[in-house]
Amino acid sequence: MARKKAAVDFEQSLAELHQLVERLEAGELSLEDSLACFEQGIRLTRDCQAALGRAEQKVQILLAHGGTLETAPFDADAQP
């Protein structure tokens, strides 16, 4: 179930980021609101990048084992 939650969080973050970009591109926000949206966008971007990095690590582990599934320790916080 953790995988489904992570996917939902990624999809939700990506959707929120898309909405922020649309609001910023519309050009109707005040400077303060624009900066707040930009800051939130940076946080969402970092969250999405981290989720993609973890997914990439999992794919690399599977490819390194020839696509066979094996039990192995996995550190999600480790840098690729």
PDB file of N, CA and C in Angstrom:
ATOM      1  N   MET A   1       0.818  -1.185   0.000  1.00  0.00           N
ATOM      2  CA  MET A   1       0.000   0.000   0.000  1.00  0.00           C
ATOM      3  C   MET A   1       0.867   1.256   0.000  1.00  0.00           C
ATOM      4  N   ALA A   2       2.084   1.170   0.482  1.00  0.00           N
ATOM      5  CA  ALA A   2       2.980   2.324   0.490  1.00  0.00           C
ATOM      6  C   ALA A   2       3.281   2.789  -0.931  1.00  0.00           C
ATOM      7  N   ARG A   3       3.395   1.840  -1.874  1.00  0.00           N
ATOM      8  CA  ARG A   3       3.659   2.215  -3.252  1.00  0.00           C
ATOM      9  C   ARG A   3       2.510   3.032  -3.831  1.00  0.00           C
ATOM     10  N   LYS A   4       1.284   2.620  -3.547  1.00  0.00           N
ATOM     11  CA  LYS A   4       0.125   3.339  -4.067  1.00  0.00           C
ATOM     12  C   LYS A   4       0.078   4.748  -3.476  1.00  0.00           C
ATOM     13  N   LYS A   5       0.362   4.882  -2.182  1.00  0.00           N
ATOM     14  CA  LYS A   5       0.360   6.192  -1.539  1.00  0.00           C
ATOM     15  C   LYS A   5       1.433   7.074  -2.155  1.00  0.00           C
ATOM     16  N   ALA A   6       2.628   6.534  -2.408  1.00  0.00           N
ATOM     17  CA  ALA A   6       3.705   7.317  -3.011  1.00  0.00           C
ATOM     18  C   ALA A   6       3.316   7.784  -4.404  1.00  0.00           C
ATOM     19  N   ALA A   7       2.672   6.911  -5.176  1.00  0.00           N
ATOM     20  CA  ALA A   7       2.242   7.283  -6.519  1.00  0.00           C
ATOM     21  C   ALA A   7       1.181   8.378  -6.454  1.00  0.00           C
ATOM     22  N   VAL A   8       0.257   8.253  -5.531  1.00  0.00           N
ATOM     23  CA  VAL A   8      -0.782   9.268  -5.375  1.00  0.00           C
ATOM     24  C   VAL A   8      -0.140  10.593  -4.964  1.00  0.00           C
ATOM     25  N   ASP A   9       0.790  10.563  -4.032  1.00  0.00           N
ATOM     26  CA  ASP A   9       1.462  11.785  -3.603  1.00  0.00           C
ATOM     27  C   ASP A   9       2.201  12.434  -4.768  1.00  0.00           C
ATOM     28  N   PHE A  10       2.874  11.630  -5.596  1.00  0.00           N
ATOM     29  CA  PHE A  10       3.586  12.172  -6.747  1.00  0.00           C
ATOM     30  C   PHE A  10       2.601  12.805  -7.719  1.00  0.00           C
ATOM     31  N   GLU A  11       1.542  12.071  -8.043  1.00  0.00           N
ATOM     32  CA  GLU A  11       0.543  12.588  -8.987  1.00  0.00           C
ATOM     33  C   GLU A  11      -0.124  13.846  -8.444  1.00  0.00           C
ATOM     34  N   GLN A  12      -0.423  13.858  -7.165  1.00  0.00           N
ATOM     35  CA  GLN A  12      -1.050  15.026  -6.545  1.00  0.00           C
ATOM     36  C   GLN A  12      -0.097  16.225  -6.571  1.00  0.00           C
ATOM     37  N   SER A  13       1.158  15.996  -6.232  1.00  0.00           N
ATOM     38  CA  SER A  13       2.148  17.074  -6.248  1.00  0.00           C
ATOM     39  C   SER A  13       2.329  17.623  -7.662  1.00  0.00           C
ATOM     40  N   LEU A  14       2.354  16.741  -8.635  1.00  0.00           N
ATOM     41  CA  LEU A  14       2.512  17.159 -10.020  1.00  0.00           C
ATOM     42  C   LEU A  14       1.307  17.981 -10.482  1.00  0.00           C
ATOM     43  N   ALA A  15       0.110  17.559 -10.091  1.00  0.00           N
ATOM     44  CA  ALA A  15      -1.102  18.300 -10.449  1.00  0.00           C
ATOM     45  C   ALA A  15      -1.103  19.681  -9.787  1.00  0.00           C
ATOM     46  N   GLU A  16      -0.705  19.750  -8.521  1.00  0.00           N
ATOM     47  CA  GLU A  16      -0.631  21.037  -7.823  1.00  0.00           C
ATOM     48  C   GLU A  16       0.394  21.954  -8.488  1.00  0.00           C
ATOM     49  N   LEU A  17       1.511  21.375  -8.894  1.00  0.00           N
ATOM     50  CA  LEU A  17       2.548  22.150  -9.563  1.00  0.00           C
ATOM     51  C   LEU A  17       2.020  22.713 -10.883  1.00  0.00           C
ATOM     52  N   HIS A  18       1.300  21.897 -11.607  1.00  0.00           N
ATOM     53  CA  HIS A  18       0.714  22.341 -12.877  1.00  0.00           C
ATOM     54  C   HIS A  18      -0.245  23.518 -12.650  1.00  0.00           C
ATOM     55  N   GLN A  19      -1.062  23.423 -11.606  1.00  0.00           N
ATOM     56  CA  GLN A  19      -2.000  24.508 -11.294  1.00  0.00           C
ATOM     57  C   GLN A  19      -1.261  25.792 -10.919  1.00  0.00           C
ATOM     58  N   LEU A  20      -0.184  25.649 -10.164  1.00  0.00           N
ATOM     59  CA  LEU A  20       0.601  26.827  -9.781  1.00  0.00           C
ATOM     60  C   LEU A  20       1.197  27.504 -11.015  1.00  0.00           C
ATOM     61  N   VAL A  21       1.714  26.707 -11.919  1.00  0.00           N
ATOM     62  CA  VAL A  21       2.301  27.261 -13.139  1.00  0.00           C
ATOM     63  C   VAL A  21       1.243  28.018 -13.935  1.00  0.00           C
ATOM     64  N   GLU A  22       0.051  27.451 -14.047  1.00  0.00           N
ATOM     65  CA  GLU A  22      -1.030  28.116 -14.769  1.00  0.00           C
ATOM     66  C   GLU A  22      -1.378  29.462 -14.112  1.00  0.00           C
ATOM     67  N   ARG A  23      -1.436  29.472 -12.782  1.00  0.00           N
ATOM     68  CA  ARG A  23      -1.755  30.715 -12.069  1.00  0.00           C
ATOM     69  C   ARG A  23      -0.666  31.767 -12.290  1.00  0.00           C
ATOM     70  N   LEU A  24       0.597  31.326 -12.238  1.00  0.00           N
ATOM     71  CA  LEU A  24       1.697  32.265 -12.443  1.00  0.00           C
ATOM     72  C   LEU A  24       1.725  32.780 -13.880  1.00  0.00           C
ATOM     73  N   GLU A  25       1.470  31.899 -14.840  1.00  0.00           N
ATOM     74  CA  GLU A  25       1.485  32.307 -16.241  1.00  0.00           C
ATOM     75  C   GLU A  25       0.341  33.259 -16.578  1.00  0.00           C
ATOM     76  N   ALA A  26      -0.763  33.177 -15.834  1.00  0.00           N
ATOM     77  CA  ALA A  26      -1.896  34.064 -16.081  1.00  0.00           C
ATOM     78  C   ALA A  26      -1.525  35.514 -15.787  1.00  0.00           C
ATOM     79  N   GLY A  27      -0.564  35.731 -14.888  1.00  0.00           N
ATOM     80  CA  GLY A  27      -0.079  37.068 -14.595  1.00  0.00           C
ATOM     81  C   GLY A  27      -1.038  37.939 -13.811  1.00  0.00           C
ATOM     82  N   GLU A  28      -1.977  37.342 -13.131  1.00  0.00           N
ATOM     83  CA  GLU A  28      -2.966  38.118 -12.392  1.00  0.00           C
ATOM     84  C   GLU A  28      -2.715  38.151 -10.893  1.00  0.00           C
ATOM     85  N   LEU A  29      -1.627  37.568 -10.435  1.00  0.00           N
ATOM     86  CA  LEU A  29      -1.316  37.535  -9.000  1.00  0.00           C
ATOM     87  C   LEU A  29      -0.492  38.749  -8.598  1.00  0.00           C
ATOM     88  N   SER A  30      -0.637  39.123  -7.346  1.00  0.00           N
ATOM     89  CA  SER A  30       0.218  40.188  -6.816  1.00  0.00           C
ATOM     90  C   SER A  30       1.641  39.640  -6.673  1.00  0.00           C
ATOM     91  N   LEU A  31       2.569  40.528  -6.428  1.00  0.00           N
ATOM     92  CA  LEU A  31       3.963  40.112  -6.251  1.00  0.00           C
ATOM     93  C   LEU A  31       4.091  39.135  -5.088  1.00  0.00           C
ATOM     94  N   GLU A  32       3.436  39.441  -3.969  1.00  0.00           N
ATOM     95  CA  GLU A  32       3.513  38.574  -2.790  1.00  0.00           C
ATOM     96  C   GLU A  32       2.922  37.189  -3.094  1.00  0.00           C
ATOM     97  N   ASP A  33       1.771  37.180  -3.764  1.00  0.00           N
ATOM     98  CA  ASP A  33       1.145  35.897  -4.111  1.00  0.00           C
ATOM     99  C   ASP A  33       2.000  35.118  -5.103  1.00  0.00           C
ATOM    100  N   SER A  34       2.600  35.824  -6.040  1.00  0.00           N
ATOM    101  CA  SER A  34       3.476  35.176  -7.017  1.00  0.00           C
ATOM    102  C   SER A  34       4.671  34.529  -6.326  1.00  0.00           C
ATOM    103  N   LEU A  35       5.261  35.247  -5.378  1.00  0.00           N
ATOM    104  CA  LEU A  35       6.407  34.693  -4.647  1.00  0.00           C
ATOM    105  C   LEU A  35       5.997  33.482  -3.812  1.00  0.00           C
ATOM    106  N   ALA A  36       4.827  33.555  -3.178  1.00  0.00           N
ATOM    107  CA  ALA A  36       4.346  32.423  -2.388  1.00  0.00           C
ATOM    108  C   ALA A  36       4.106  31.208  -3.287  1.00  0.00           C
ATOM    109  N   CYS A  37       3.522  31.425  -4.461  1.00  0.00           N
ATOM    110  CA  CYS A  37       3.295  30.325  -5.406  1.00  0.00           C
ATOM    111  C   CYS A  37       4.617  29.754  -5.892  1.00  0.00           C
ATOM    112  N   PHE A  38       5.578  30.641  -6.152  1.00  0.00           N
ATOM    113  CA  PHE A  38       6.894  30.191  -6.603  1.00  0.00           C
ATOM    114  C   PHE A  38       7.565  29.327  -5.543  1.00  0.00           C
ATOM    115  N   GLU A  39       7.508  29.764  -4.290  1.00  0.00           N
ATOM    116  CA  GLU A  39       8.099  28.984  -3.197  1.00  0.00           C
ATOM    117  C   GLU A  39       7.426  27.620  -3.078  1.00  0.00           C
ATOM    118  N   GLN A  40       6.102  27.604  -3.159  1.00  0.00           N
ATOM    119  CA  GLN A  40       5.383  26.331  -3.087  1.00  0.00           C
ATOM    120  C   GLN A  40       5.761  25.450  -4.275  1.00  0.00           C
ATOM    121  N   GLY A  41       5.912  26.063  -5.439  1.00  0.00           N
ATOM    122  CA  GLY A  41       6.310  25.315  -6.629  1.00  0.00           C
ATOM    123  C   GLY A  41       7.676  24.678  -6.479  1.00  0.00           C
ATOM    124  N   ILE A  42       8.599  25.395  -5.865  1.00  0.00           N
ATOM    125  CA  ILE A  42       9.943  24.844  -5.623  1.00  0.00           C
ATOM    126  C   ILE A  42       9.847  23.626  -4.712  1.00  0.00           C
ATOM    127  N   ARG A  43       9.043  23.726  -3.637  1.00  0.00           N
ATOM    128  CA  ARG A  43       8.876  22.580  -2.725  1.00  0.00           C
ATOM    129  C   ARG A  43       8.269  21.388  -3.461  1.00  0.00           C
ATOM    130  N   LEU A  44       7.240  21.635  -4.254  1.00  0.00           N
ATOM    131  CA  LEU A  44       6.599  20.546  -4.988  1.00  0.00           C
ATOM    132  C   LEU A  44       7.557  19.922  -6.003  1.00  0.00           C
ATOM    133  N   THR A  45       8.349  20.760  -6.657  1.00  0.00           N
ATOM    134  CA  THR A  45       9.329  20.259  -7.627  1.00  0.00           C
ATOM    135  C   THR A  45      10.338  19.348  -6.944  1.00  0.00           C
ATOM    136  N   ARG A  46      10.810  19.756  -5.781  1.00  0.00           N
ATOM    137  CA  ARG A  46      11.777  18.932  -5.043  1.00  0.00           C
ATOM    138  C   ARG A  46      11.140  17.612  -4.604  1.00  0.00           C
ATOM    139  N   ASP A  47       9.881  17.660  -4.169  1.00  0.00           N
ATOM    140  CA  ASP A  47       9.178  16.425  -3.794  1.00  0.00           C
ATOM    141  C   ASP A  47       9.059  15.482  -4.984  1.00  0.00           C
ATOM    142  N   CYS A  48       8.699  16.033  -6.134  1.00  0.00           N
ATOM    143  CA  CYS A  48       8.557  15.214  -7.347  1.00  0.00           C
ATOM    144  C   CYS A  48       9.906  14.637  -7.773  1.00  0.00           C
ATOM    145  N   GLN A  49      10.949  15.455  -7.719  1.00  0.00           N
ATOM    146  CA  GLN A  49      12.277  14.976  -8.087  1.00  0.00           C
ATOM    147  C   GLN A  49      12.741  13.853  -7.162  1.00  0.00           C
ATOM    148  N   ALA A  50      12.450  13.981  -5.876  1.00  0.00           N
ATOM    149  CA  ALA A  50      12.827  12.935  -4.925  1.00  0.00           C
ATOM    150  C   ALA A  50      12.077  11.640  -5.231  1.00  0.00           C
ATOM    151  N   ALA A  51      10.778  11.748  -5.528  1.00  0.00           N
ATOM    152  CA  ALA A  51       9.991  10.557  -5.851  1.00  0.00           C
ATOM    153  C   ALA A  51      10.513   9.901  -7.125  1.00  0.00           C
ATOM    154  N   LEU A  52      10.850  10.693  -8.119  1.00  0.00           N
ATOM    155  CA  LEU A  52      11.404  10.133  -9.352  1.00  0.00           C
ATOM    156  C   LEU A  52      12.769   9.502  -9.112  1.00  0.00           C
ATOM    157  N   GLY A  53      13.569  10.105  -8.250  1.00  0.00           N
ATOM    158  CA  GLY A  53      14.875   9.531  -7.911  1.00  0.00           C
ATOM    159  C   GLY A  53      14.742   8.170  -7.245  1.00  0.00           C
ATOM    160  N   ARG A  54      13.767   8.053  -6.336  1.00  0.00           N
ATOM    161  CA  ARG A  54      13.547   6.756  -5.675  1.00  0.00           C
ATOM    162  C   ARG A  54      13.076   5.715  -6.691  1.00  0.00           C
ATOM    163  N   ALA A  55      12.213   6.108  -7.597  1.00  0.00           N
ATOM    164  CA  ALA A  55      11.735   5.183  -8.624  1.00  0.00           C
ATOM    165  C   ALA A  55      12.886   4.749  -9.526  1.00  0.00           C
ATOM    166  N   GLU A  56      13.752   5.681  -9.878  1.00  0.00           N
ATOM    167  CA  GLU A  56      14.901   5.357 -10.718  1.00  0.00           C
ATOM    168  C   GLU A  56      15.834   4.363 -10.017  1.00  0.00           C
ATOM    169  N   GLN A  57      16.036   4.554  -8.706  1.00  0.00           N
ATOM    170  CA  GLN A  57      16.877   3.625  -7.952  1.00  0.00           C
ATOM    171  C   GLN A  57      16.297   2.217  -7.988  1.00  0.00           C
ATOM    172  N   LYS A  58      14.993   2.123  -7.815  1.00  0.00           N
ATOM    173  CA  LYS A  58      14.344   0.808  -7.841  1.00  0.00           C
ATOM    174  C   LYS A  58      14.507   0.148  -9.205  1.00  0.00           C
ATOM    175  N   VAL A  59      14.358   0.925 -10.270  1.00  0.00           N
ATOM    176  CA  VAL A  59      14.521   0.388 -11.622  1.00  0.00           C
ATOM    177  C   VAL A  59      15.956  -0.081 -11.825  1.00  0.00           C
ATOM    178  N   GLN A  60      16.923   0.713 -11.374  1.00  0.00           N
ATOM    179  CA  GLN A  60      18.327   0.322 -11.520  1.00  0.00           C
ATOM    180  C   GLN A  60      18.631  -0.963 -10.759  1.00  0.00           C
ATOM    181  N   ILE A  61      18.048  -1.129  -9.591  1.00  0.00           N
ATOM    182  CA  ILE A  61      18.251  -2.351  -8.814  1.00  0.00           C
ATOM    183  C   ILE A  61      17.704  -3.545  -9.579  1.00  0.00           C
ATOM    184  N   LEU A  62      16.511  -3.399 -10.141  1.00  0.00           N
ATOM    185  CA  LEU A  62      15.923  -4.494 -10.905  1.00  0.00           C
ATOM    186  C   LEU A  62      16.752  -4.810 -12.147  1.00  0.00           C
ATOM    187  N   LEU A  63      17.219  -3.803 -12.840  1.00  0.00           N
ATOM    188  CA  LEU A  63      18.020  -4.031 -14.035  1.00  0.00           C
ATOM    189  C   LEU A  63      19.366  -4.673 -13.701  1.00  0.00           C
ATOM    190  N   ALA A  64      19.926  -4.299 -12.561  1.00  0.00           N
ATOM    191  CA  ALA A  64      21.211  -4.862 -12.154  1.00  0.00           C
ATOM    192  C   ALA A  64      21.101  -6.352 -11.866  1.00  0.00           C
ATOM    193  N   HIS A  65      19.922  -6.805 -11.521  1.00  0.00           N
ATOM    194  CA  HIS A  65      19.697  -8.218 -11.227  1.00  0.00           C
ATOM    195  C   HIS A  65      19.049  -8.938 -12.404  1.00  0.00           C
ATOM    196  N   GLY A  66      19.174  -8.366 -13.594  1.00  0.00           N
ATOM    197  CA  GLY A  66      18.636  -9.002 -14.785  1.00  0.00           C
ATOM    198  C   GLY A  66      17.124  -9.090 -14.791  1.00  0.00           C
ATOM    199  N   GLY A  67      16.465  -8.248 -14.063  1.00  0.00           N
ATOM    200  CA  GLY A  67      15.011  -8.238 -14.023  1.00  0.00           C
ATOM    201  C   GLY A  67      14.410  -9.247 -13.069  1.00  0.00           C
ATOM    202  N   THR A  68      15.260 -10.033 -12.399  1.00  0.00           N
ATOM    203  CA  THR A  68      14.735 -11.001 -11.441  1.00  0.00           C
ATOM    204  C   THR A  68      14.513 -10.309 -10.106  1.00  0.00           C
ATOM    205  N   LEU A  69      13.495 -10.718  -9.435  1.00  0.00           N
ATOM    206  CA  LEU A  69      13.185 -10.132  -8.145  1.00  0.00           C
ATOM    207  C   LEU A  69      13.932 -10.868  -7.051  1.00  0.00           C
ATOM    208  N   GLU A  70      14.669 -10.120  -6.257  1.00  0.00           N
ATOM    209  CA  GLU A  70      15.399 -10.675  -5.131  1.00  0.00           C
ATOM    210  C   GLU A  70      15.171  -9.774  -3.929  1.00  0.00           C
ATOM    211  N   THR A  71      15.217 -10.355  -2.765  1.00  0.00           N
ATOM    212  CA  THR A  71      15.120  -9.559  -1.549  1.00  0.00           C
ATOM    213  C   THR A  71      16.470  -8.908  -1.305  1.00  0.00           C
ATOM    214  N   ALA A  72      16.452  -7.577  -1.156  1.00  0.00           N
ATOM    215  CA  ALA A  72      17.697  -6.842  -0.916  1.00  0.00           C
ATOM    216  C   ALA A  72      17.359  -5.605  -0.117  1.00  0.00           C
ATOM    217  N   PRO A  73      18.282  -5.151   0.713  1.00  0.00           N
ATOM    218  CA  PRO A  73      18.028  -3.929   1.464  1.00  0.00           C
ATOM    219  C   PRO A  73      17.940  -2.740   0.503  1.00  0.00           C
ATOM    220  N   PHE A  74      17.072  -1.813   0.836  1.00  0.00           N
ATOM    221  CA  PHE A  74      16.895  -0.629   0.013  1.00  0.00           C
ATOM    222  C   PHE A  74      16.831   0.593   0.910  1.00  0.00           C
ATOM    223  N   ASP A  75      17.695   1.550   0.651  1.00  0.00           N
ATOM    224  CA  ASP A  75      17.722   2.781   1.432  1.00  0.00           C
ATOM    225  C   ASP A  75      17.185   3.914   0.554  1.00  0.00           C
ATOM    226  N   ALA A  76      15.946   4.314   0.795  1.00  0.00           N
ATOM    227  CA  ALA A  76      15.297   5.347  -0.008  1.00  0.00           C
ATOM    228  C   ALA A  76      15.967   6.702   0.164  1.00  0.00           C
ATOM    229  N   ASP A  77      16.695   6.897   1.239  1.00  0.00           N
ATOM    230  CA  ASP A  77      17.319   8.190   1.498  1.00  0.00           C
ATOM    231  C   ASP A  77      18.732   8.282   0.907  1.00  0.00           C
ATOM    232  N   ALA A  78      19.251   7.175   0.399  1.00  0.00           N
ATOM    233  CA  ALA A  78      20.603   7.168  -0.145  1.00  0.00           C
ATOM    234  C   ALA A  78      20.627   7.943  -1.465  1.00  0.00           C
ATOM    235  N   GLN A  79      21.714   8.646  -1.710  1.00  0.00           N
ATOM    236  CA  GLN A  79      21.875   9.409  -2.946  1.00  0.00           C
ATOM    237  C   GLN A  79      22.281   8.451  -4.068  1.00  0.00           C
ATOM    238  N   PRO A  80      21.702   8.637  -5.281  1.00  0.00           N
ATOM    239  CA  PRO A  80      22.060   7.760  -6.411  1.00  0.00           C
ATOM    240  C   PRO A  80      23.469   7.986  -6.887  1.00  0.00           C
TER     241      PRO A  80
END
